[in-house]
Amino acid sequence: MQKVKIISGWSNPGGGTVAHIALTNLLNESGFDCTFYGPHDWHMDKCKGGKIQDANLGVHDYVISHFIHVKKGINVKKHFLYCHEKQLFPLKQMDLSQYDCIVFVSNKQKDWHSVNYPSVIIPPPVDKFDWTEPQQNFAGVVGSIDKNKQTHKSIQRALADGYEKVLLFGDVTDMPYFNAHVAPLVESGKAVLMGHEDSREALYGQVKEVYHSSLSETYGLVEAECRLSGIPFNGESNGQEVVDRKEILERWKKVLQ
């Protein structure tokens, strides 16, 4: 049985963490022995998880690293860089020689990095779920509240379209931006901080339409979830692939073999 270790520098709520959890579960369901290691605890009860200091990399391990600079020269079977970022993890500034392959999540992201190195495109697993349009006239914004997501623009567009309130699902990760642009809308009662919601059914089940105004996306996870489940999505499309789990598994099998 192939032993796969996913190691990330971030395992609190976020699109990358959700993707790693889904990939860990998918590989374990398909005959691999996969563990997701991270510095935080949020992922621990959602998949076969561990803390990053307990990874204990060995010569028979297939390592998938994300958002972390793993010490060069580790003696493992194969080492893949799983890149979910653009500016936050610029590959042109890195020595890539320790990696067997780079795994990007979309063609647009790969083109942005523009590095001449062996690579493949494997989107993250995205779940389809049953969605019933709610009676309440609420819109939703899903994702971290920060300058890049332009949360305030999504709120303003939703209110201009006639929605009574806008529910904000995600953590505040940029306090200066929040205080300047989002807090006044929350204080007015037109926007409501909902925090992070693990259940996608519970989240999307509260809104009639999802608004998105991000300046830059590597893979539009929210857009993909909406497209698969028939939820109205109001935002510029990232144009990414939305493929089923079977295809995602086959692409990972080719990389790992």
C-alpha atoms as a PDB file:
ATOM      1  CA  MET A   1       0.000   0.000   0.000  1.00  0.00           C
ATOM      2  CA  GLN A   2       1.407   3.378  -1.029  1.00  0.00           C
ATOM      3  CA  LYS A   3       1.923   5.730   1.908  1.00  0.00           C
ATOM      4  CA  VAL A   4       1.074   9.330   1.028  1.00  0.00           C
ATOM      5  CA  LYS A   5       1.785  12.226   3.384  1.00  0.00           C
ATOM      6  CA  ILE A   6       0.211  15.625   2.707  1.00  0.00           C
ATOM      7  CA  ILE A   7       2.109  18.352   4.575  1.00  0.00           C
ATOM      8  CA  SER A   8       0.786  21.902   4.677  1.00  0.00           C
ATOM      9  CA  GLY A   9       1.844  25.085   6.428  1.00  0.00           C
ATOM     10  CA  TRP A  10      -1.851  25.869   7.003  1.00  0.00           C
ATOM     11  CA  SER A  11      -4.573  23.546   8.355  1.00  0.00           C
ATOM     12  CA  ASN A  12      -7.098  26.006   9.775  1.00  0.00           C
ATOM     13  CA  PRO A  13     -10.300  26.772   7.784  1.00  0.00           C
ATOM     14  CA  GLY A  14      -9.663  27.788   4.196  1.00  0.00           C
ATOM     15  CA  GLY A  15     -10.049  26.554   0.637  1.00  0.00           C
ATOM     16  CA  GLY A  16      -6.695  24.795   0.620  1.00  0.00           C
ATOM     17  CA  THR A  17      -7.408  22.967   3.869  1.00  0.00           C
ATOM     18  CA  VAL A  18     -10.818  21.846   2.606  1.00  0.00           C
ATOM     19  CA  ALA A  19      -9.127  20.562  -0.551  1.00  0.00           C
ATOM     20  CA  HIS A  20      -6.476  18.635   1.420  1.00  0.00           C
ATOM     21  CA  ILE A  21      -9.120  17.028   3.634  1.00  0.00           C
ATOM     22  CA  ALA A  22     -11.123  15.975   0.577  1.00  0.00           C
ATOM     23  CA  LEU A  23      -8.018  14.594  -1.151  1.00  0.00           C
ATOM     24  CA  THR A  24      -6.931  12.690   1.974  1.00  0.00           C
ATOM     25  CA  ASN A  25     -10.349  11.050   2.255  1.00  0.00           C
ATOM     26  CA  LEU A  26     -10.484  10.306  -1.477  1.00  0.00           C
ATOM     27  CA  LEU A  27      -7.076   8.588  -1.480  1.00  0.00           C
ATOM     28  CA  ASN A  28      -7.856   6.550   1.649  1.00  0.00           C
ATOM     29  CA  GLU A  29     -11.166   5.419   0.139  1.00  0.00           C
ATOM     30  CA  SER A  30      -9.230   4.288  -2.941  1.00  0.00           C
ATOM     31  CA  GLY A  31      -6.633   2.040  -1.303  1.00  0.00           C
ATOM     32  CA  PHE A  32      -3.870   4.486  -0.385  1.00  0.00           C
ATOM     33  CA  ASP A  33      -2.621   5.124   3.146  1.00  0.00           C
ATOM     34  CA  CYS A  34      -2.853   8.922   3.287  1.00  0.00           C
ATOM     35  CA  THR A  35      -2.401  11.288   6.233  1.00  0.00           C
ATOM     36  CA  PHE A  36      -2.768  15.072   6.202  1.00  0.00           C
ATOM     37  CA  TYR A  37      -0.304  16.841   8.528  1.00  0.00           C
ATOM     38  CA  GLY A  38      -0.652  20.505   9.495  1.00  0.00           C
ATOM     39  CA  PRO A  39       0.202  22.979  12.268  1.00  0.00           C
ATOM     40  CA  HIS A  40      -3.399  23.583  13.396  1.00  0.00           C
ATOM     41  CA  ASP A  41      -6.065  21.269  14.824  1.00  0.00           C
ATOM     42  CA  TRP A  42      -9.082  22.076  12.625  1.00  0.00           C
ATOM     43  CA  HIS A  43      -8.435  19.267  10.126  1.00  0.00           C
ATOM     44  CA  MET A  44      -7.827  16.544  12.720  1.00  0.00           C
ATOM     45  CA  ASP A  45     -11.392  15.208  13.076  1.00  0.00           C
ATOM     46  CA  LYS A  46     -12.275  15.517   9.376  1.00  0.00           C
ATOM     47  CA  CYS A  47      -9.797  13.074   7.854  1.00  0.00           C
ATOM     48  CA  LYS A  48      -6.843  10.910   8.813  1.00  0.00           C
ATOM     49  CA  GLY A  49      -4.843  13.791  10.271  1.00  0.00           C
ATOM     50  CA  GLY A  50      -1.742  14.536  12.279  1.00  0.00           C
ATOM     51  CA  LYS A  51       0.379  17.425  13.533  1.00  0.00           C
ATOM     52  CA  ILE A  52       3.178  18.555  11.297  1.00  0.00           C
ATOM     53  CA  GLN A  53       5.916  17.696  13.798  1.00  0.00           C
ATOM     54  CA  ASP A  54       4.793  14.051  13.703  1.00  0.00           C
ATOM     55  CA  ALA A  55       5.114  13.552   9.924  1.00  0.00           C
ATOM     56  CA  ASN A  56       8.392  11.551  10.201  1.00  0.00           C
ATOM     57  CA  LEU A  57       9.188  11.430   6.484  1.00  0.00           C
ATOM     58  CA  GLY A  58      10.825   8.228   5.265  1.00  0.00           C
ATOM     59  CA  VAL A  59      12.289   6.671   2.138  1.00  0.00           C
ATOM     60  CA  HIS A  60       9.041   4.915   1.194  1.00  0.00           C
ATOM     61  CA  ASP A  61       6.806   7.981   1.546  1.00  0.00           C
ATOM     62  CA  TYR A  62       5.146   9.881  -1.272  1.00  0.00           C
ATOM     63  CA  VAL A  63       5.094  13.469  -0.015  1.00  0.00           C
ATOM     64  CA  ILE A  64       2.693  16.178  -1.189  1.00  0.00           C
ATOM     65  CA  SER A  65       3.714  19.520   0.312  1.00  0.00           C
ATOM     66  CA  HIS A  66       1.725  22.755   0.260  1.00  0.00           C
ATOM     67  CA  PHE A  67       2.448  26.311   1.437  1.00  0.00           C
ATOM     68  CA  ILE A  68       5.585  25.250   3.239  1.00  0.00           C
ATOM     69  CA  HIS A  69       9.285  25.083   2.407  1.00  0.00           C
ATOM     70  CA  VAL A  70      10.183  21.500   3.261  1.00  0.00           C
ATOM     71  CA  LYS A  71      13.863  21.043   4.051  1.00  0.00           C
ATOM     72  CA  LYS A  72      15.787  20.308   0.879  1.00  0.00           C
ATOM     73  CA  GLY A  73      17.403  16.890   0.595  1.00  0.00           C
ATOM     74  CA  ILE A  74      14.737  14.844   2.377  1.00  0.00           C
ATOM     75  CA  ASN A  75      15.039  11.183   1.453  1.00  0.00           C
ATOM     76  CA  VAL A  76      11.562  10.173   0.260  1.00  0.00           C
ATOM     77  CA  LYS A  77      10.149   8.128  -2.608  1.00  0.00           C
ATOM     78  CA  LYS A  78       8.728  11.145  -4.432  1.00  0.00           C
ATOM     79  CA  HIS A  79       8.033  14.757  -3.500  1.00  0.00           C
ATOM     80  CA  PHE A  80       5.293  16.854  -5.147  1.00  0.00           C
ATOM     81  CA  LEU A  81       4.593  20.541  -4.632  1.00  0.00           C
ATOM     82  CA  TYR A  82       0.822  21.096  -4.475  1.00  0.00           C
ATOM     83  CA  CYS A  83       0.436  24.796  -5.267  1.00  0.00           C
ATOM     84  CA  HIS A  84      -2.869  26.570  -4.502  1.00  0.00           C
ATOM     85  CA  GLU A  85      -1.490  30.132  -4.468  1.00  0.00           C
ATOM     86  CA  LYS A  86      -0.241  32.917  -6.705  1.00  0.00           C
ATOM     87  CA  GLN A  87       1.412  35.918  -4.993  1.00  0.00           C
ATOM     88  CA  LEU A  88       1.484  34.223  -1.588  1.00  0.00           C
ATOM     89  CA  PHE A  89       3.800  31.473  -2.854  1.00  0.00           C
ATOM     90  CA  PRO A  90       5.649  32.756  -5.959  1.00  0.00           C
ATOM     91  CA  LEU A  91       7.468  29.826  -7.544  1.00  0.00           C
ATOM     92  CA  LYS A  92       9.906  31.982  -9.536  1.00  0.00           C
ATOM     93  CA  GLN A  93      11.579  32.879  -6.236  1.00  0.00           C
ATOM     94  CA  MET A  94      12.040  29.250  -5.225  1.00  0.00           C
ATOM     95  CA  ASP A  95      14.545  26.473  -5.896  1.00  0.00           C
ATOM     96  CA  LEU A  96      12.263  23.789  -7.334  1.00  0.00           C
ATOM     97  CA  SER A  97      14.931  21.132  -7.830  1.00  0.00           C
ATOM     98  CA  GLN A  98      13.788  19.016  -4.856  1.00  0.00           C
ATOM     99  CA  TYR A  99      10.347  18.391  -6.397  1.00  0.00           C
ATOM    100  CA  ASP A 100       9.498  15.623  -8.828  1.00  0.00           C
ATOM    101  CA  CYS A 101       6.523  17.584 -10.118  1.00  0.00           C
ATOM    102  CA  ILE A 102       4.386  20.661  -9.411  1.00  0.00           C
ATOM    103  CA  VAL A 103       0.641  20.146  -9.130  1.00  0.00           C
ATOM    104  CA  PHE A 104      -1.351  23.247 -10.069  1.00  0.00           C
ATOM    105  CA  VAL A 105      -5.112  23.611  -9.565  1.00  0.00           C
ATOM    106  CA  SER A 106      -5.914  25.503 -12.788  1.00  0.00           C
ATOM    107  CA  ASN A 107      -4.377  26.526 -16.097  1.00  0.00           C
ATOM    108  CA  LYS A 108      -4.733  30.232 -15.245  1.00  0.00           C
ATOM    109  CA  GLN A 109      -2.708  29.686 -12.088  1.00  0.00           C
ATOM    110  CA  LYS A 110      -0.014  27.755 -13.969  1.00  0.00           C
ATOM    111  CA  ASP A 111       0.212  30.501 -16.598  1.00  0.00           C
ATOM    112  CA  TRP A 112       0.560  33.149 -13.875  1.00  0.00           C
ATOM    113  CA  HIS A 113       3.558  31.391 -12.286  1.00  0.00           C
ATOM    114  CA  SER A 114       5.149  30.777 -15.691  1.00  0.00           C
ATOM    115  CA  VAL A 115       7.898  28.399 -14.542  1.00  0.00           C
ATOM    116  CA  ASN A 116       9.600  25.876 -16.802  1.00  0.00           C
ATOM    117  CA  TYR A 117       9.267  22.764 -14.652  1.00  0.00           C
ATOM    118  CA  PRO A 118       7.403  19.421 -14.919  1.00  0.00           C
ATOM    119  CA  SER A 119       3.809  20.011 -13.858  1.00  0.00           C
ATOM    120  CA  VAL A 120       0.227  18.775 -14.073  1.00  0.00           C
ATOM    121  CA  ILE A 121      -3.200  20.321 -13.518  1.00  0.00           C
ATOM    122  CA  ILE A 122      -5.365  18.598 -10.897  1.00  0.00           C
ATOM    123  CA  PRO A 123      -8.344  20.591  -9.551  1.00  0.00           C
ATOM    124  CA  PRO A 124      -9.401  20.001  -5.940  1.00  0.00           C
ATOM    125  CA  PRO A 125     -12.304  17.625  -5.260  1.00  0.00           C
ATOM    126  CA  VAL A 126     -15.629  19.495  -5.197  1.00  0.00           C
ATOM    127  CA  ASP A 127     -18.814  18.048  -3.740  1.00  0.00           C
ATOM    128  CA  LYS A 128     -22.248  18.285  -5.303  1.00  0.00           C
ATOM    129  CA  PHE A 129     -25.104  18.508  -2.807  1.00  0.00           C
ATOM    130  CA  ASP A 130     -28.856  19.050  -2.745  1.00  0.00           C
ATOM    131  CA  TRP A 131     -29.835  22.716  -2.598  1.00  0.00           C
ATOM    132  CA  THR A 132     -33.309  24.073  -1.946  1.00  0.00           C
ATOM    133  CA  GLU A 133     -33.892  27.771  -2.472  1.00  0.00           C
ATOM    134  CA  PRO A 134     -34.799  29.332   0.898  1.00  0.00           C
ATOM    135  CA  GLN A 135     -37.818  31.544   1.510  1.00  0.00           C
ATOM    136  CA  GLN A 136     -35.825  34.366   3.115  1.00  0.00           C
ATOM    137  CA  ASN A 137     -34.547  37.054   0.774  1.00  0.00           C
ATOM    138  CA  PHE A 138     -30.874  36.732   1.729  1.00  0.00           C
ATOM    139  CA  ALA A 139     -27.762  36.658  -0.436  1.00  0.00           C
ATOM    140  CA  GLY A 140     -24.433  35.154   0.621  1.00  0.00           C
ATOM    141  CA  VAL A 141     -20.731  35.871   0.366  1.00  0.00           C
ATOM    142  CA  VAL A 142     -18.427  32.910   0.998  1.00  0.00           C
ATOM    143  CA  GLY A 143     -14.722  33.186   1.784  1.00  0.00           C
ATOM    144  CA  SER A 144     -12.222  35.047   3.910  1.00  0.00           C
ATOM    145  CA  ILE A 145     -13.012  38.714   4.474  1.00  0.00           C
ATOM    146  CA  ASP A 146     -10.049  40.608   3.057  1.00  0.00           C
ATOM    147  CA  LYS A 147      -8.904  43.093   0.456  1.00  0.00           C
ATOM    148  CA  ASN A 148      -8.453  40.483  -2.278  1.00  0.00           C
ATOM    149  CA  LYS A 149     -11.997  39.118  -1.902  1.00  0.00           C
ATOM    150  CA  GLN A 150     -13.478  42.648  -2.013  1.00  0.00           C
ATOM    151  CA  THR A 151     -16.254  41.533   0.315  1.00  0.00           C
ATOM    152  CA  HIS A 152     -17.753  45.018   0.501  1.00  0.00           C
ATOM    153  CA  LYS A 153     -18.323  45.095  -3.260  1.00  0.00           C
ATOM    154  CA  SER A 154     -20.209  41.804  -3.121  1.00  0.00           C
ATOM    155  CA  ILE A 155     -22.376  43.165  -0.299  1.00  0.00           C
ATOM    156  CA  GLN A 156     -23.101  46.376  -2.187  1.00  0.00           C
ATOM    157  CA  ARG A 157     -24.008  44.540  -5.389  1.00  0.00           C
ATOM    158  CA  ALA A 158     -26.341  42.168  -3.554  1.00  0.00           C
ATOM    159  CA  LEU A 159     -28.112  45.016  -1.760  1.00  0.00           C
ATOM    160  CA  ALA A 160     -28.443  46.929  -5.044  1.00  0.00           C
ATOM    161  CA  ASP A 161     -30.100  43.831  -6.540  1.00  0.00           C
ATOM    162  CA  GLY A 162     -32.775  43.973  -3.852  1.00  0.00           C
ATOM    163  CA  TYR A 163     -31.642  41.479  -1.236  1.00  0.00           C
ATOM    164  CA  GLU A 164     -32.759  42.226   2.313  1.00  0.00           C
ATOM    165  CA  LYS A 165     -29.541  41.058   3.961  1.00  0.00           C
ATOM    166  CA  VAL A 166     -26.193  39.594   3.010  1.00  0.00           C
ATOM    167  CA  LEU A 167     -24.764  36.726   5.081  1.00  0.00           C
ATOM    168  CA  LEU A 168     -20.959  36.630   5.284  1.00  0.00           C
ATOM    169  CA  PHE A 169     -19.546  33.118   5.700  1.00  0.00           C
ATOM    170  CA  GLY A 170     -15.834  33.259   6.483  1.00  0.00           C
ATOM    171  CA  ASP A 171     -13.269  34.581   8.920  1.00  0.00           C
ATOM    172  CA  VAL A 172     -11.963  38.155   8.994  1.00  0.00           C
ATOM    173  CA  THR A 173      -8.319  37.877   7.903  1.00  0.00           C
ATOM    174  CA  ASP A 174      -7.631  41.563   7.199  1.00  0.00           C
ATOM    175  CA  MET A 175      -8.750  43.803  10.062  1.00  0.00           C
ATOM    176  CA  PRO A 176      -7.771  47.179   8.524  1.00  0.00           C
ATOM    177  CA  TYR A 177      -9.770  46.307   5.409  1.00  0.00           C
ATOM    178  CA  PHE A 178     -12.693  45.028   7.480  1.00  0.00           C
ATOM    179  CA  ASN A 179     -12.799  48.124   9.676  1.00  0.00           C
ATOM    180  CA  ALA A 180     -12.681  50.485   6.719  1.00  0.00           C
ATOM    181  CA  HIS A 181     -15.025  48.790   4.264  1.00  0.00           C
ATOM    182  CA  VAL A 182     -17.111  46.001   5.817  1.00  0.00           C
ATOM    183  CA  ALA A 183     -17.741  47.027   9.439  1.00  0.00           C
ATOM    184  CA  PRO A 184     -20.040  49.944   8.472  1.00  0.00           C
ATOM    185  CA  LEU A 185     -22.214  47.559   6.445  1.00  0.00           C
ATOM    186  CA  VAL A 186     -22.348  45.124   9.366  1.00  0.00           C
ATOM    187  CA  GLU A 187     -23.201  47.915  11.798  1.00  0.00           C
ATOM    188  CA  SER A 188     -26.075  48.976   9.538  1.00  0.00           C
ATOM    189  CA  GLY A 189     -27.597  45.509   9.881  1.00  0.00           C
ATOM    190  CA  LYS A 190     -27.500  44.901   6.128  1.00  0.00           C
ATOM    191  CA  ALA A 191     -24.568  42.464   6.386  1.00  0.00           C
ATOM    192  CA  VAL A 192     -24.285  39.730   9.003  1.00  0.00           C
ATOM    193  CA  LEU A 193     -21.084  38.006  10.141  1.00  0.00           C
ATOM    194  CA  MET A 194     -21.809  34.270  10.177  1.00  0.00           C
ATOM    195  CA  GLY A 195     -18.266  33.005  10.767  1.00  0.00           C
ATOM    196  CA  HIS A 196     -17.006  29.752   9.292  1.00  0.00           C
ATOM    197  CA  GLU A 197     -19.594  27.056   8.559  1.00  0.00           C
ATOM    198  CA  ASP A 198     -18.353  23.486   8.069  1.00  0.00           C
ATOM    199  CA  SER A 199     -21.570  22.213   6.480  1.00  0.00           C
ATOM    200  CA  ARG A 200     -21.941  23.382   2.900  1.00  0.00           C
ATOM    201  CA  GLU A 201     -25.607  22.350   2.948  1.00  0.00           C
ATOM    202  CA  ALA A 202     -26.251  24.520   6.003  1.00  0.00           C
ATOM    203  CA  LEU A 203     -24.317  27.406   4.485  1.00  0.00           C
ATOM    204  CA  TYR A 204     -25.829  27.493   1.007  1.00  0.00           C
ATOM    205  CA  GLY A 205     -29.257  26.547   2.320  1.00  0.00           C
ATOM    206  CA  GLN A 206     -29.602  30.020   3.837  1.00  0.00           C
ATOM    207  CA  VAL A 207     -29.073  32.054   0.651  1.00  0.00           C
ATOM    208  CA  LYS A 208     -30.805  32.560  -2.682  1.00  0.00           C
ATOM    209  CA  GLU A 209     -27.680  33.667  -4.530  1.00  0.00           C
ATOM    210  CA  VAL A 210     -23.931  33.822  -3.921  1.00  0.00           C
ATOM    211  CA  TYR A 211     -21.938  36.960  -4.781  1.00  0.00           C
ATOM    212  CA  HIS A 212     -18.225  36.957  -5.506  1.00  0.00           C
ATOM    213  CA  SER A 213     -15.942  39.913  -6.344  1.00  0.00           C
ATOM    214  CA  SER A 214     -12.416  38.560  -5.886  1.00  0.00           C
ATOM    215  CA  LEU A 215      -9.487  40.334  -7.523  1.00  0.00           C
ATOM    216  CA  SER A 216      -7.602  37.064  -8.039  1.00  0.00           C
ATOM    217  CA  GLU A 217      -8.416  33.359  -7.688  1.00  0.00           C
ATOM    218  CA  THR A 218      -6.304  30.292  -8.355  1.00  0.00           C
ATOM    219  CA  TYR A 219      -9.294  27.952  -8.358  1.00  0.00           C
ATOM    220  CA  GLY A 220     -12.815  29.257  -7.753  1.00  0.00           C
ATOM    221  CA  LEU A 221     -13.991  26.677  -5.206  1.00  0.00           C
ATOM    222  CA  VAL A 222     -17.151  28.625  -4.356  1.00  0.00           C
ATOM    223  CA  GLU A 223     -17.989  29.024  -8.038  1.00  0.00           C
ATOM    224  CA  ALA A 224     -17.430  25.304  -8.618  1.00  0.00           C
ATOM    225  CA  GLU A 225     -19.661  24.331  -5.691  1.00  0.00           C
ATOM    226  CA  CYS A 226     -22.403  26.616  -6.972  1.00  0.00           C
ATOM    227  CA  ARG A 227     -22.124  25.353 -10.553  1.00  0.00           C
ATOM    228  CA  LEU A 228     -22.309  21.712  -9.503  1.00  0.00           C
ATOM    229  CA  SER A 229     -25.270  22.204  -7.161  1.00  0.00           C
ATOM    230  CA  GLY A 230     -27.362  24.643  -9.187  1.00  0.00           C
ATOM    231  CA  ILE A 231     -26.917  27.666  -6.905  1.00  0.00           C
ATOM    232  CA  PRO A 232     -27.056  31.099  -8.612  1.00  0.00           C
ATOM    233  CA  PHE A 233     -23.519  32.523  -8.718  1.00  0.00           C
ATOM    234  CA  ASN A 234     -23.026  36.249  -9.300  1.00  0.00           C
ATOM    235  CA  GLY A 235     -19.425  37.001 -10.147  1.00  0.00           C
ATOM    236  CA  GLU A 236     -16.850  36.802 -12.888  1.00  0.00           C
ATOM    237  CA  SER A 237     -16.084  33.183 -13.748  1.00  0.00           C
ATOM    238  CA  ASN A 238     -12.565  31.921 -13.199  1.00  0.00           C
ATOM    239  CA  GLY A 239     -13.083  29.505 -16.094  1.00  0.00           C
ATOM    240  CA  GLN A 240     -11.625  26.577 -14.171  1.00  0.00           C
ATOM    241  CA  GLU A 241     -12.289  22.894 -14.756  1.00  0.00           C
ATOM    242  CA  VAL A 242     -14.956  21.278 -12.613  1.00  0.00           C
ATOM    243  CA  VAL A 243     -14.271  17.544 -12.807  1.00  0.00           C
ATOM    244  CA  ASP A 244     -15.662  14.643 -10.825  1.00  0.00           C
ATOM    245  CA  ARG A 245     -13.823  12.723  -8.133  1.00  0.00           C
ATOM    246  CA  LYS A 246     -13.156   9.744 -10.411  1.00  0.00           C
ATOM    247  CA  GLU A 247     -11.179  11.912 -12.845  1.00  0.00           C
ATOM    248  CA  ILE A 248      -9.325  13.657 -10.000  1.00  0.00           C
ATOM    249  CA  LEU A 249      -8.358  10.272  -8.543  1.00  0.00           C
ATOM    250  CA  GLU A 250      -7.088   9.055 -11.922  1.00  0.00           C
ATOM    251  CA  ARG A 251      -4.890  12.137 -12.314  1.00  0.00           C
ATOM    252  CA  TRP A 252      -3.404  11.669  -8.845  1.00  0.00           C
ATOM    253  CA  LYS A 253      -2.810   7.976  -9.519  1.00  0.00           C
ATOM    254  CA  LYS A 254      -0.769   8.870 -12.608  1.00  0.00           C
ATOM    255  CA  VAL A 255       1.321  11.327 -10.588  1.00  0.00           C
ATOM    256  CA  LEU A 256       1.860   8.971  -7.646  1.00  0.00           C
ATOM    257  CA  GLN A 257       2.751   6.012  -9.845  1.00  0.00           C
END
